[in-house]
């Protein structure tokens, strides 16, 4: 399968940036850079990704994601949550507690407008 030039550029960037730089990039003015930095942190097994989700719960800037021939436009927080569900690199990289799972569920409910239980 032939990868796009942009994809290859992102993978090269991923190898060259530090965790500290990625932590800064999740607050970049460009929504695509925020989402990409978040995904790179997931790839690296970054244990504080739930904190980033909480910081971006109101990040409604839109970003377009492509998977094959399907392009989806989502708010940044929903794109970050989507990356959690499709990126398996973080699984097993650190201890993901029940409290973390509960936090992600609450963030997800808010991001997608689902009713939250008291």
C-alpha atoms as a PDB file:
ATOM      1  CA  UNK A   1       0.000   0.000   0.000  1.00  0.00           C
ATOM      2  CA  UNK A   2       1.350   3.374  -1.007  1.00  0.00           C
ATOM      3  CA  UNK A   3       1.296   5.955   1.803  1.00  0.00           C
ATOM      4  CA  UNK A   4       0.661   9.601   1.041  1.00  0.00           C
ATOM      5  CA  UNK A   5       3.480  12.108   1.228  1.00  0.00           C
ATOM      6  CA  UNK A   6       1.659  13.959   4.020  1.00  0.00           C
ATOM      7  CA  UNK A   7       1.373  10.745   6.055  1.00  0.00           C
ATOM      8  CA  UNK A   8       5.100  10.126   5.635  1.00  0.00           C
ATOM      9  CA  UNK A   9       5.824  13.705   6.700  1.00  0.00           C
ATOM     10  CA  UNK A  10       3.753  13.205   9.858  1.00  0.00           C
ATOM     11  CA  UNK A  11       5.547   9.938  10.678  1.00  0.00           C
ATOM     12  CA  UNK A  12       8.927  11.645  10.205  1.00  0.00           C
ATOM     13  CA  UNK A  13       7.806  14.494  12.458  1.00  0.00           C
ATOM     14  CA  UNK A  14       6.676  11.984  15.087  1.00  0.00           C
ATOM     15  CA  UNK A  15      10.212  10.583  15.303  1.00  0.00           C
ATOM     16  CA  UNK A  16      11.752  14.028  15.720  1.00  0.00           C
ATOM     17  CA  UNK A  17       9.612  15.702  18.386  1.00  0.00           C
ATOM     18  CA  UNK A  18       9.931  15.268  22.125  1.00  0.00           C
ATOM     19  CA  UNK A  19       7.116  14.566  24.550  1.00  0.00           C
ATOM     20  CA  UNK A  20       7.469  18.120  25.889  1.00  0.00           C
ATOM     21  CA  UNK A  21       7.050  19.520  22.365  1.00  0.00           C
ATOM     22  CA  UNK A  22       3.981  17.349  21.783  1.00  0.00           C
ATOM     23  CA  UNK A  23       2.498  18.556  25.077  1.00  0.00           C
ATOM     24  CA  UNK A  24       2.838  22.109  23.744  1.00  0.00           C
ATOM     25  CA  UNK A  25       1.487  21.162  20.326  1.00  0.00           C
ATOM     26  CA  UNK A  26      -1.823  19.896  21.759  1.00  0.00           C
ATOM     27  CA  UNK A  27      -2.539  23.600  22.362  1.00  0.00           C
ATOM     28  CA  UNK A  28      -1.426  24.788  18.911  1.00  0.00           C
ATOM     29  CA  UNK A  29      -3.766  27.234  17.112  1.00  0.00           C
ATOM     30  CA  UNK A  30      -4.205  24.739  14.236  1.00  0.00           C
ATOM     31  CA  UNK A  31      -6.784  22.053  15.087  1.00  0.00           C
ATOM     32  CA  UNK A  32      -5.126  19.374  12.941  1.00  0.00           C
ATOM     33  CA  UNK A  33      -1.828  19.883  14.749  1.00  0.00           C
ATOM     34  CA  UNK A  34      -3.602  19.582  18.131  1.00  0.00           C
ATOM     35  CA  UNK A  35      -5.236  16.288  17.139  1.00  0.00           C
ATOM     36  CA  UNK A  36      -2.062  14.921  15.516  1.00  0.00           C
ATOM     37  CA  UNK A  37       0.046  15.783  18.569  1.00  0.00           C
ATOM     38  CA  UNK A  38      -2.507  14.038  20.776  1.00  0.00           C
ATOM     39  CA  UNK A  39      -2.345  10.938  18.583  1.00  0.00           C
ATOM     40  CA  UNK A  40       1.465  10.961  18.701  1.00  0.00           C
ATOM     41  CA  UNK A  41       1.277  11.104  22.495  1.00  0.00           C
ATOM     42  CA  UNK A  42      -1.046   8.087  22.418  1.00  0.00           C
ATOM     43  CA  UNK A  43       1.436   6.271  20.176  1.00  0.00           C
ATOM     44  CA  UNK A  44       4.157   6.884  22.744  1.00  0.00           C
ATOM     45  CA  UNK A  45       2.087   5.498  25.622  1.00  0.00           C
ATOM     46  CA  UNK A  46       1.647   8.916  27.214  1.00  0.00           C
ATOM     47  CA  UNK A  47      -0.050   8.227  30.559  1.00  0.00           C
ATOM     48  CA  UNK A  48      -1.718  11.649  31.015  1.00  0.00           C
ATOM     49  CA  UNK A  49      -3.850  11.631  27.879  1.00  0.00           C
ATOM     50  CA  UNK A  50      -7.080  11.789  29.905  1.00  0.00           C
ATOM     51  CA  UNK A  51      -5.904  15.122  31.347  1.00  0.00           C
ATOM     52  CA  UNK A  52      -5.516  16.433  27.787  1.00  0.00           C
ATOM     53  CA  UNK A  53      -9.045  15.304  26.966  1.00  0.00           C
ATOM     54  CA  UNK A  54     -10.388  17.200  29.964  1.00  0.00           C
ATOM     55  CA  UNK A  55      -8.488  20.325  28.916  1.00  0.00           C
ATOM     56  CA  UNK A  56     -10.066  20.121  25.449  1.00  0.00           C
ATOM     57  CA  UNK A  57     -13.654  19.257  26.403  1.00  0.00           C
ATOM     58  CA  UNK A  58     -14.817  22.600  24.971  1.00  0.00           C
ATOM     59  CA  UNK A  59     -12.500  22.501  21.936  1.00  0.00           C
ATOM     60  CA  UNK A  60     -15.109  22.638  19.191  1.00  0.00           C
ATOM     61  CA  UNK A  61     -12.825  23.771  16.365  1.00  0.00           C
ATOM     62  CA  UNK A  62     -13.357  21.364  13.500  1.00  0.00           C
ATOM     63  CA  UNK A  63     -10.794  19.061  11.962  1.00  0.00           C
ATOM     64  CA  UNK A  64     -11.152  16.732   8.978  1.00  0.00           C
ATOM     65  CA  UNK A  65      -9.863  13.185   9.326  1.00  0.00           C
ATOM     66  CA  UNK A  66      -9.436  10.723   6.502  1.00  0.00           C
ATOM     67  CA  UNK A  67      -9.535   6.951   6.716  1.00  0.00           C
ATOM     68  CA  UNK A  68      -9.211   5.421   3.277  1.00  0.00           C
ATOM     69  CA  UNK A  69     -11.731   7.184   1.049  1.00  0.00           C
ATOM     70  CA  UNK A  70     -13.873   8.409   3.949  1.00  0.00           C
ATOM     71  CA  UNK A  71     -13.391  11.952   5.216  1.00  0.00           C
ATOM     72  CA  UNK A  72     -15.047  12.946   8.465  1.00  0.00           C
ATOM     73  CA  UNK A  73     -15.176  16.419   9.993  1.00  0.00           C
ATOM     74  CA  UNK A  74     -15.366  16.485  13.776  1.00  0.00           C
ATOM     75  CA  UNK A  75     -14.777  18.878  16.657  1.00  0.00           C
ATOM     76  CA  UNK A  76     -11.277  18.457  18.100  1.00  0.00           C
ATOM     77  CA  UNK A  77     -12.499  16.763  21.302  1.00  0.00           C
ATOM     78  CA  UNK A  78     -14.465  14.188  19.303  1.00  0.00           C
ATOM     79  CA  UNK A  79     -11.455  13.595  17.016  1.00  0.00           C
ATOM     80  CA  UNK A  80      -9.260  13.003  20.078  1.00  0.00           C
ATOM     81  CA  UNK A  81     -11.798  10.529  21.475  1.00  0.00           C
ATOM     82  CA  UNK A  82     -11.977   8.848  18.068  1.00  0.00           C
ATOM     83  CA  UNK A  83      -8.187   8.426  18.148  1.00  0.00           C
ATOM     84  CA  UNK A  84      -8.438   6.629  21.476  1.00  0.00           C
ATOM     85  CA  UNK A  85     -10.836   4.111  19.966  1.00  0.00           C
ATOM     86  CA  UNK A  86      -8.732   3.494  16.835  1.00  0.00           C
ATOM     87  CA  UNK A  87      -5.196   3.755  18.245  1.00  0.00           C
ATOM     88  CA  UNK A  88      -4.110   0.616  20.089  1.00  0.00           C
ATOM     89  CA  UNK A  89      -0.521   1.710  20.792  1.00  0.00           C
ATOM     90  CA  UNK A  90      -1.430   3.105  24.218  1.00  0.00           C
ATOM     91  CA  UNK A  91      -3.100  -0.099  25.438  1.00  0.00           C
ATOM     92  CA  UNK A  92      -0.839  -1.817  27.945  1.00  0.00           C
ATOM     93  CA  UNK A  93       1.734   0.991  27.818  1.00  0.00           C
ATOM     94  CA  UNK A  94       0.703   2.169  31.295  1.00  0.00           C
ATOM     95  CA  UNK A  95      -1.848   1.341  33.950  1.00  0.00           C
ATOM     96  CA  UNK A  96      -5.254   2.595  32.875  1.00  0.00           C
ATOM     97  CA  UNK A  97      -7.344   2.651  36.019  1.00  0.00           C
ATOM     98  CA  UNK A  98     -11.103   2.382  36.467  1.00  0.00           C
ATOM     99  CA  UNK A  99     -11.058   6.042  37.491  1.00  0.00           C
ATOM    100  CA  UNK A 100      -9.408   6.868  34.132  1.00  0.00           C
ATOM    101  CA  UNK A 101     -12.045   4.835  32.289  1.00  0.00           C
ATOM    102  CA  UNK A 102     -14.804   6.648  34.183  1.00  0.00           C
ATOM    103  CA  UNK A 103     -13.254  10.032  33.318  1.00  0.00           C
ATOM    104  CA  UNK A 104     -13.059   9.122  29.632  1.00  0.00           C
ATOM    105  CA  UNK A 105     -16.697   7.964  29.712  1.00  0.00           C
ATOM    106  CA  UNK A 106     -17.809  11.274  31.275  1.00  0.00           C
ATOM    107  CA  UNK A 107     -15.763  13.284  28.758  1.00  0.00           C
ATOM    108  CA  UNK A 108     -17.181  11.235  25.908  1.00  0.00           C
ATOM    109  CA  UNK A 109     -20.745  11.725  27.147  1.00  0.00           C
ATOM    110  CA  UNK A 110     -20.228  15.493  27.301  1.00  0.00           C
ATOM    111  CA  UNK A 111     -18.441  15.677  23.945  1.00  0.00           C
ATOM    112  CA  UNK A 112     -21.195  13.766  22.156  1.00  0.00           C
ATOM    113  CA  UNK A 113     -24.073  15.416  24.060  1.00  0.00           C
ATOM    114  CA  UNK A 114     -25.231  12.242  25.793  1.00  0.00           C
ATOM    115  CA  UNK A 115     -27.140  12.524  29.043  1.00  0.00           C
ATOM    116  CA  UNK A 116     -24.906  12.015  32.043  1.00  0.00           C
ATOM    117  CA  UNK A 117     -26.013   9.984  35.017  1.00  0.00           C
ATOM    118  CA  UNK A 118     -25.925  11.747  38.405  1.00  0.00           C
END
